[in-house]
Amino acid sequence: MIRVRRAEEADHPAWAALLAKLHDDTSAADFEAEIARWVRLPEPYVAFLAEDQAGIAVGLIDARVRNYAEGAPQLRAAYVEDLWVDPDHRGAGVARLLLGAVENWARGESLDWLGSDTWPHNAASIAWHGANGFAEVERLIVFGKPL
């Protein structure tokens, strides 16, 4: 049985550890510092953890309110920033449970749009998004340069 709950301050180390598994170029310690900054932003930034029967975090989703999301009918929109499920728990609906928690949170924030993104080459993520009610609204190449 998987239980999904909103992360609290005491969960920041677990949240950071799961993010480090998703983004292997950043350490859990670095993510802990980032999380401390994220939760102080003026717009809400939340995480939900999926825990197994032993209380071990096996999945994570974090989301925030953005002032713009591609395809959104209004300017303010919820946006999934990260989603990760332990490989041993994939295919069992854990990601869908996490997504449901974010959707409920976003509705509670009076938001009517949930955005998300993935890399164009990530076929599994694209398929998952489609299977969970997302529709592709835009393809984009992002540029930047140092000043």
N, C-alpha and C. Protein backbone atom coordinates (compact mmCIF):
# COMPACT_ATOMS: atom_id res chain seq x y z
N MET A 1 0.85 -1.19 0.00
CA MET A 1 0.00 0.00 0.00
C MET A 1 0.89 1.24 0.00
N ILE A 2 0.58 2.17 -0.86
CA ILE A 2 1.33 3.42 -0.98
C ILE A 2 0.48 4.54 -0.38
N ARG A 3 1.14 5.37 0.41
CA ARG A 3 0.47 6.53 1.00
C ARG A 3 1.14 7.78 0.43
N VAL A 4 0.33 8.74 -0.01
CA VAL A 4 0.85 10.01 -0.53
C VAL A 4 0.47 11.10 0.46
N ARG A 5 1.46 11.92 0.79
CA ARG A 5 1.20 13.03 1.71
C ARG A 5 2.07 14.22 1.32
N ARG A 6 1.60 15.39 1.74
CA ARG A 6 2.35 16.61 1.47
C ARG A 6 3.60 16.64 2.33
N ALA A 7 4.70 17.02 1.72
CA ALA A 7 5.96 17.10 2.44
C ALA A 7 5.94 18.29 3.40
N GLU A 8 6.56 18.07 4.55
CA GLU A 8 6.70 19.11 5.56
C GLU A 8 8.18 19.48 5.66
N GLU A 9 8.48 20.45 6.49
CA GLU A 9 9.87 20.90 6.62
C GLU A 9 10.79 19.74 7.03
N ALA A 10 10.32 18.87 7.90
CA ALA A 10 11.14 17.74 8.33
C ALA A 10 11.44 16.77 7.19
N ASP A 11 10.68 16.86 6.10
CA ASP A 11 10.87 15.99 4.94
C ASP A 11 11.85 16.55 3.93
N HIS A 12 12.38 17.73 4.16
CA HIS A 12 13.29 18.32 3.18
C HIS A 12 14.46 17.41 2.84
N PRO A 13 15.08 16.70 3.81
CA PRO A 13 16.18 15.79 3.42
C PRO A 13 15.72 14.67 2.48
N ALA A 14 14.54 14.09 2.73
CA ALA A 14 14.03 13.03 1.84
C ALA A 14 13.70 13.60 0.48
N TRP A 15 13.07 14.77 0.45
CA TRP A 15 12.75 15.45 -0.81
C TRP A 15 14.03 15.68 -1.59
N ALA A 16 15.06 16.20 -0.93
CA ALA A 16 16.34 16.48 -1.58
C ALA A 16 17.00 15.20 -2.09
N ALA A 17 16.94 14.13 -1.32
CA ALA A 17 17.55 12.87 -1.73
C ALA A 17 16.89 12.31 -2.99
N LEU A 18 15.57 12.43 -3.07
CA LEU A 18 14.87 11.94 -4.26
C LEU A 18 15.17 12.82 -5.47
N LEU A 19 15.26 14.12 -5.27
CA LEU A 19 15.63 15.00 -6.38
C LEU A 19 17.03 14.67 -6.89
N ALA A 20 17.94 14.33 -5.98
CA ALA A 20 19.29 13.97 -6.39
C ALA A 20 19.31 12.70 -7.24
N LYS A 21 18.35 11.81 -7.01
CA LYS A 21 18.24 10.61 -7.85
C LYS A 21 17.73 10.95 -9.25
N LEU A 22 16.85 11.95 -9.32
CA LEU A 22 16.31 12.38 -10.61
C LEU A 22 17.33 13.21 -11.39
N HIS A 23 18.03 14.06 -10.70
CA HIS A 23 19.01 14.97 -11.31
C HIS A 23 20.40 14.59 -10.79
N ASP A 24 21.05 13.65 -11.44
CA ASP A 24 22.30 13.11 -10.90
C ASP A 24 23.48 14.07 -10.97
N ASP A 25 23.25 15.27 -11.48
CA ASP A 25 24.32 16.26 -11.52
C ASP A 25 24.29 17.23 -10.33
N THR A 26 23.35 17.00 -9.41
CA THR A 26 23.22 17.87 -8.23
C THR A 26 23.11 17.00 -6.99
N SER A 27 23.81 17.37 -5.94
CA SER A 27 23.81 16.57 -4.71
C SER A 27 22.57 16.84 -3.87
N ALA A 28 22.27 15.91 -2.99
CA ALA A 28 21.16 16.09 -2.05
C ALA A 28 21.39 17.32 -1.18
N ALA A 29 22.62 17.55 -0.77
CA ALA A 29 22.93 18.73 0.06
C ALA A 29 22.63 20.02 -0.70
N ASP A 30 23.00 20.05 -1.97
CA ASP A 30 22.69 21.23 -2.78
C ASP A 30 21.18 21.41 -2.92
N PHE A 31 20.46 20.29 -3.11
CA PHE A 31 19.01 20.39 -3.22
C PHE A 31 18.36 20.85 -1.91
N GLU A 32 18.92 20.45 -0.78
CA GLU A 32 18.36 20.93 0.50
C GLU A 32 18.43 22.44 0.57
N ALA A 33 19.52 23.01 0.13
CA ALA A 33 19.65 24.47 0.11
C ALA A 33 18.65 25.09 -0.86
N GLU A 34 18.46 24.45 -2.01
CA GLU A 34 17.49 24.95 -2.99
C GLU A 34 16.07 24.88 -2.45
N ILE A 35 15.72 23.77 -1.81
CA ILE A 35 14.38 23.61 -1.26
C ILE A 35 14.09 24.69 -0.23
N ALA A 36 15.06 24.99 0.61
CA ALA A 36 14.88 26.05 1.61
C ALA A 36 14.57 27.38 0.93
N ARG A 37 15.15 27.60 -0.22
CA ARG A 37 14.88 28.82 -0.98
C ARG A 37 13.51 28.75 -1.66
N TRP A 38 13.20 27.60 -2.26
CA TRP A 38 11.93 27.44 -2.98
C TRP A 38 10.72 27.67 -2.09
N VAL A 39 10.77 27.12 -0.88
CA VAL A 39 9.59 27.22 -0.01
C VAL A 39 9.41 28.63 0.55
N ARG A 40 10.39 29.50 0.35
CA ARG A 40 10.27 30.89 0.78
C ARG A 40 9.83 31.81 -0.36
N LEU A 41 9.65 31.27 -1.56
CA LEU A 41 9.21 32.09 -2.69
C LEU A 41 7.82 32.66 -2.40
N PRO A 42 7.49 33.80 -3.00
CA PRO A 42 6.17 34.39 -2.75
C PRO A 42 5.02 33.50 -3.24
N GLU A 43 5.22 32.80 -4.33
CA GLU A 43 4.19 31.87 -4.83
C GLU A 43 4.42 30.49 -4.23
N PRO A 44 3.37 29.75 -3.97
CA PRO A 44 3.52 28.43 -3.33
C PRO A 44 4.39 27.47 -4.14
N TYR A 45 5.17 26.70 -3.42
CA TYR A 45 6.01 25.63 -3.97
C TYR A 45 5.84 24.45 -3.03
N VAL A 46 5.31 23.34 -3.52
CA VAL A 46 4.97 22.21 -2.65
C VAL A 46 5.57 20.92 -3.19
N ALA A 47 5.64 19.94 -2.30
CA ALA A 47 6.05 18.59 -2.70
C ALA A 47 5.13 17.60 -2.02
N PHE A 48 4.94 16.47 -2.69
CA PHE A 48 4.21 15.35 -2.13
C PHE A 48 5.11 14.13 -2.23
N LEU A 49 5.12 13.34 -1.16
CA LEU A 49 5.92 12.12 -1.11
C LEU A 49 5.00 10.92 -1.17
N ALA A 50 5.43 9.90 -1.88
CA ALA A 50 4.76 8.60 -1.86
C ALA A 50 5.61 7.70 -0.98
N GLU A 51 4.97 7.10 0.03
CA GLU A 51 5.69 6.25 0.96
C GLU A 51 5.14 4.83 0.92
N ASP A 52 6.04 3.87 1.07
CA ASP A 52 5.62 2.47 1.14
C ASP A 52 5.13 2.15 2.56
N GLN A 53 4.78 0.90 2.81
CA GLN A 53 4.24 0.50 4.10
C GLN A 53 5.20 0.75 5.25
N ALA A 54 6.49 0.75 4.95
CA ALA A 54 7.50 0.98 5.98
C ALA A 54 7.77 2.47 6.20
N GLY A 55 7.09 3.33 5.46
CA GLY A 55 7.30 4.76 5.59
C GLY A 55 8.49 5.28 4.80
N ILE A 56 9.01 4.47 3.89
CA ILE A 56 10.14 4.87 3.05
C ILE A 56 9.61 5.62 1.83
N ALA A 57 10.18 6.79 1.56
CA ALA A 57 9.76 7.57 0.39
C ALA A 57 10.22 6.87 -0.89
N VAL A 58 9.24 6.52 -1.74
CA VAL A 58 9.52 5.82 -2.99
C VAL A 58 9.13 6.65 -4.21
N GLY A 59 8.62 7.85 -3.95
CA GLY A 59 8.24 8.72 -5.05
C GLY A 59 8.07 10.14 -4.58
N LEU A 60 8.18 11.06 -5.52
CA LEU A 60 8.11 12.48 -5.23
C LEU A 60 7.53 13.22 -6.42
N ILE A 61 6.72 14.20 -6.11
CA ILE A 61 6.33 15.19 -7.12
C ILE A 61 6.43 16.54 -6.44
N ASP A 62 6.98 17.52 -7.13
CA ASP A 62 6.92 18.87 -6.60
C ASP A 62 6.38 19.79 -7.68
N ALA A 63 5.72 20.84 -7.21
CA ALA A 63 5.03 21.75 -8.12
C ALA A 63 5.00 23.13 -7.50
N ARG A 64 4.74 24.09 -8.35
CA ARG A 64 4.64 25.46 -7.86
C ARG A 64 3.63 26.22 -8.68
N VAL A 65 3.32 27.40 -8.20
CA VAL A 65 2.48 28.31 -8.97
C VAL A 65 3.41 29.19 -9.79
N ARG A 66 3.17 29.20 -11.07
CA ARG A 66 3.94 30.07 -11.97
C ARG A 66 3.03 31.20 -12.43
N ASN A 67 3.63 32.31 -12.82
CA ASN A 67 2.82 33.41 -13.34
C ASN A 67 2.54 33.24 -14.83
N TYR A 68 3.06 32.16 -15.43
CA TYR A 68 2.77 31.85 -16.83
C TYR A 68 3.10 30.38 -17.08
N ALA A 69 2.23 29.72 -17.81
CA ALA A 69 2.50 28.36 -18.29
C ALA A 69 1.96 28.26 -19.71
N GLU A 70 2.73 27.71 -20.60
CA GLU A 70 2.31 27.57 -21.99
C GLU A 70 0.94 26.89 -22.06
N GLY A 71 0.04 27.47 -22.84
CA GLY A 71 -1.28 26.88 -23.06
C GLY A 71 -2.31 27.21 -22.00
N ALA A 72 -1.91 27.82 -20.91
CA ALA A 72 -2.84 28.10 -19.82
C ALA A 72 -3.82 29.20 -20.21
N PRO A 73 -5.10 29.02 -19.86
CA PRO A 73 -6.08 30.05 -20.20
C PRO A 73 -5.93 31.33 -19.36
N GLN A 74 -5.36 31.21 -18.19
CA GLN A 74 -5.10 32.35 -17.31
C GLN A 74 -3.58 32.46 -17.14
N LEU A 75 -3.12 33.57 -16.61
CA LEU A 75 -1.69 33.71 -16.40
C LEU A 75 -1.19 32.80 -15.29
N ARG A 76 -1.82 32.81 -14.12
CA ARG A 76 -1.38 31.97 -13.00
C ARG A 76 -1.75 30.52 -13.28
N ALA A 77 -0.79 29.62 -13.06
CA ALA A 77 -1.04 28.20 -13.29
C ALA A 77 -0.14 27.37 -12.40
N ALA A 78 -0.61 26.19 -12.07
CA ALA A 78 0.24 25.22 -11.36
C ALA A 78 1.17 24.58 -12.37
N TYR A 79 2.35 24.17 -11.91
CA TYR A 79 3.32 23.59 -12.82
C TYR A 79 4.10 22.49 -12.09
N VAL A 80 4.12 21.31 -12.67
CA VAL A 80 4.91 20.21 -12.13
C VAL A 80 6.37 20.48 -12.47
N GLU A 81 7.19 20.54 -11.46
CA GLU A 81 8.61 20.80 -11.67
C GLU A 81 9.41 19.50 -11.72
N ASP A 82 9.08 18.54 -10.86
CA ASP A 82 9.82 17.28 -10.79
C ASP A 82 8.86 16.15 -10.45
N LEU A 83 9.13 14.99 -11.01
CA LEU A 83 8.37 13.78 -10.69
C LEU A 83 9.34 12.61 -10.79
N TRP A 84 9.43 11.83 -9.72
CA TRP A 84 10.33 10.68 -9.71
C TRP A 84 9.72 9.57 -8.89
N VAL A 85 9.81 8.36 -9.40
CA VAL A 85 9.36 7.16 -8.70
C VAL A 85 10.49 6.14 -8.74
N ASP A 86 10.73 5.52 -7.59
CA ASP A 86 11.74 4.48 -7.50
C ASP A 86 11.47 3.41 -8.57
N PRO A 87 12.51 2.96 -9.28
CA PRO A 87 12.31 1.97 -10.34
C PRO A 87 11.54 0.73 -9.90
N ASP A 88 11.70 0.30 -8.66
CA ASP A 88 10.99 -0.89 -8.17
C ASP A 88 9.49 -0.65 -8.01
N HIS A 89 9.05 0.59 -8.04
CA HIS A 89 7.64 0.92 -7.85
C HIS A 89 7.00 1.50 -9.11
N ARG A 90 7.74 1.58 -10.19
CA ARG A 90 7.19 2.11 -11.44
C ARG A 90 6.19 1.13 -12.04
N GLY A 91 5.21 1.68 -12.71
CA GLY A 91 4.19 0.86 -13.35
C GLY A 91 3.09 0.41 -12.41
N ALA A 92 3.13 0.87 -11.16
CA ALA A 92 2.13 0.46 -10.16
C ALA A 92 1.17 1.60 -9.82
N GLY A 93 1.22 2.70 -10.56
CA GLY A 93 0.30 3.80 -10.32
C GLY A 93 0.77 4.84 -9.32
N VAL A 94 2.02 4.73 -8.87
CA VAL A 94 2.53 5.69 -7.88
C VAL A 94 2.57 7.10 -8.47
N ALA A 95 3.06 7.25 -9.68
CA ALA A 95 3.13 8.57 -10.31
C ALA A 95 1.73 9.15 -10.46
N ARG A 96 0.77 8.33 -10.79
CA ARG A 96 -0.62 8.81 -10.93
C ARG A 96 -1.16 9.30 -9.59
N LEU A 97 -0.84 8.59 -8.51
CA LEU A 97 -1.27 9.04 -7.18
C LEU A 97 -0.63 10.38 -6.82
N LEU A 98 0.65 10.52 -7.13
CA LEU A 98 1.34 11.79 -6.88
C LEU A 98 0.73 12.92 -7.70
N LEU A 99 0.45 12.64 -8.96
CA LEU A 99 -0.17 13.64 -9.82
C LEU A 99 -1.53 14.06 -9.26
N GLY A 100 -2.32 13.10 -8.79
CA GLY A 100 -3.61 13.42 -8.21
C GLY A 100 -3.49 14.35 -7.01
N ALA A 101 -2.46 14.16 -6.21
CA ALA A 101 -2.24 15.03 -5.05
C ALA A 101 -1.96 16.46 -5.50
N VAL A 102 -1.15 16.62 -6.55
CA VAL A 102 -0.85 17.95 -7.07
C VAL A 102 -2.11 18.57 -7.68
N GLU A 103 -2.87 17.78 -8.40
CA GLU A 103 -4.11 18.32 -8.99
C GLU A 103 -5.05 18.83 -7.90
N ASN A 104 -5.21 18.06 -6.83
CA ASN A 104 -6.07 18.50 -5.73
C ASN A 104 -5.54 19.76 -5.08
N TRP A 105 -4.23 19.82 -4.87
CA TRP A 105 -3.62 21.01 -4.30
C TRP A 105 -3.89 22.22 -5.20
N ALA A 106 -3.68 22.06 -6.51
CA ALA A 106 -3.85 23.17 -7.45
C ALA A 106 -5.30 23.66 -7.45
N ARG A 107 -6.24 22.74 -7.42
CA ARG A 107 -7.65 23.16 -7.35
C ARG A 107 -7.90 23.95 -6.06
N GLY A 108 -7.29 23.52 -4.98
CA GLY A 108 -7.41 24.23 -3.72
C GLY A 108 -6.82 25.63 -3.75
N GLU A 109 -5.89 25.85 -4.67
CA GLU A 109 -5.30 27.17 -4.88
C GLU A 109 -6.10 27.98 -5.90
N SER A 110 -7.26 27.45 -6.31
CA SER A 110 -8.15 28.09 -7.30
C SER A 110 -7.48 28.23 -8.67
N LEU A 111 -6.65 27.27 -9.02
CA LEU A 111 -6.00 27.26 -10.32
C LEU A 111 -6.75 26.33 -11.26
N ASP A 112 -6.76 26.68 -12.55
CA ASP A 112 -7.50 25.87 -13.52
C ASP A 112 -6.62 25.26 -14.60
N TRP A 113 -5.31 25.24 -14.37
CA TRP A 113 -4.40 24.68 -15.37
C TRP A 113 -3.20 24.07 -14.67
N LEU A 114 -2.78 22.92 -15.16
CA LEU A 114 -1.57 22.27 -14.66
C LEU A 114 -0.64 22.04 -15.83
N GLY A 115 0.51 22.65 -15.78
CA GLY A 115 1.51 22.48 -16.82
C GLY A 115 2.59 21.51 -16.37
N SER A 116 3.33 21.01 -17.32
CA SER A 116 4.45 20.10 -17.07
C SER A 116 5.31 20.11 -18.32
N ASP A 117 6.48 19.54 -18.24
CA ASP A 117 7.33 19.46 -19.42
C ASP A 117 8.23 18.24 -19.33
N THR A 118 8.84 17.93 -20.43
CA THR A 118 9.84 16.87 -20.49
C THR A 118 10.74 17.14 -21.69
N TRP A 119 11.81 16.40 -21.76
CA TRP A 119 12.71 16.52 -22.91
C TRP A 119 12.06 15.88 -24.13
N PRO A 120 12.28 16.43 -25.32
CA PRO A 120 11.66 15.88 -26.54
C PRO A 120 12.02 14.42 -26.81
N HIS A 121 13.16 13.96 -26.32
CA HIS A 121 13.59 12.58 -26.56
C HIS A 121 13.10 11.60 -25.49
N ASN A 122 12.37 12.09 -24.48
CA ASN A 122 11.92 11.22 -23.38
C ASN A 122 10.56 10.62 -23.73
N ALA A 123 10.58 9.58 -24.55
CA ALA A 123 9.33 8.97 -25.04
C ALA A 123 8.47 8.42 -23.91
N ALA A 124 9.09 7.85 -22.87
CA ALA A 124 8.31 7.30 -21.76
C ALA A 124 7.55 8.41 -21.03
N SER A 125 8.19 9.53 -20.81
CA SER A 125 7.54 10.65 -20.14
C SER A 125 6.43 11.24 -21.00
N ILE A 126 6.68 11.37 -22.28
CA ILE A 126 5.66 11.89 -23.19
C ILE A 126 4.44 10.98 -23.17
N ALA A 127 4.67 9.68 -23.23
CA ALA A 127 3.55 8.72 -23.18
C ALA A 127 2.81 8.81 -21.85
N TRP A 128 3.54 8.92 -20.74
CA TRP A 128 2.91 9.01 -19.42
C TRP A 128 2.04 10.26 -19.34
N HIS A 129 2.57 11.39 -19.79
CA HIS A 129 1.78 12.62 -19.77
C HIS A 129 0.48 12.45 -20.56
N GLY A 130 0.59 11.89 -21.76
CA GLY A 130 -0.61 11.68 -22.58
C GLY A 130 -1.62 10.77 -21.91
N ALA A 131 -1.13 9.72 -21.27
CA ALA A 131 -2.02 8.76 -20.59
C ALA A 131 -2.67 9.36 -19.35
N ASN A 132 -2.14 10.48 -18.88
CA ASN A 132 -2.67 11.11 -17.67
C ASN A 132 -3.36 12.44 -17.95
N GLY A 133 -3.83 12.61 -19.17
CA GLY A 133 -4.69 13.74 -19.51
C GLY A 133 -3.99 14.99 -20.00
N PHE A 134 -2.67 14.97 -20.11
CA PHE A 134 -1.97 16.13 -20.64
C PHE A 134 -2.00 16.08 -22.17
N ALA A 135 -2.03 17.24 -22.79
CA ALA A 135 -1.92 17.35 -24.24
C ALA A 135 -0.73 18.27 -24.54
N GLU A 136 0.03 17.91 -25.54
CA GLU A 136 1.14 18.76 -25.93
C GLU A 136 0.59 20.08 -26.43
N VAL A 137 1.11 21.19 -25.91
CA VAL A 137 0.61 22.50 -26.31
C VAL A 137 1.66 23.32 -27.06
N GLU A 138 2.93 22.93 -26.95
CA GLU A 138 3.97 23.72 -27.60
C GLU A 138 5.28 22.96 -27.57
N ARG A 139 6.08 23.13 -28.61
CA ARG A 139 7.48 22.68 -28.60
C ARG A 139 8.33 23.92 -28.64
N LEU A 140 9.43 23.88 -27.95
CA LEU A 140 10.17 25.10 -27.72
C LEU A 140 11.66 24.79 -27.63
N ILE A 141 12.44 25.60 -28.21
CA ILE A 141 13.89 25.54 -28.03
C ILE A 141 14.28 26.78 -27.25
N VAL A 142 14.96 26.59 -26.15
CA VAL A 142 15.30 27.68 -25.26
C VAL A 142 16.75 28.09 -25.51
N PHE A 143 16.98 29.37 -25.62
CA PHE A 143 18.32 29.92 -25.83
C PHE A 143 18.71 30.78 -24.64
N GLY A 144 19.98 30.95 -24.43
CA GLY A 144 20.48 31.86 -23.42
C GLY A 144 21.92 32.19 -23.71
N LYS A 145 22.38 33.28 -23.13
CA LYS A 145 23.78 33.62 -23.27
C LYS A 145 24.19 34.44 -22.05
N PRO A 146 25.42 34.27 -21.63
CA PRO A 146 25.88 35.04 -20.47
C PRO A 146 26.04 36.51 -20.84
N LEU A 147 25.81 37.35 -19.87
CA LEU A 147 26.01 38.79 -20.08
C LEU A 147 27.17 39.30 -19.27
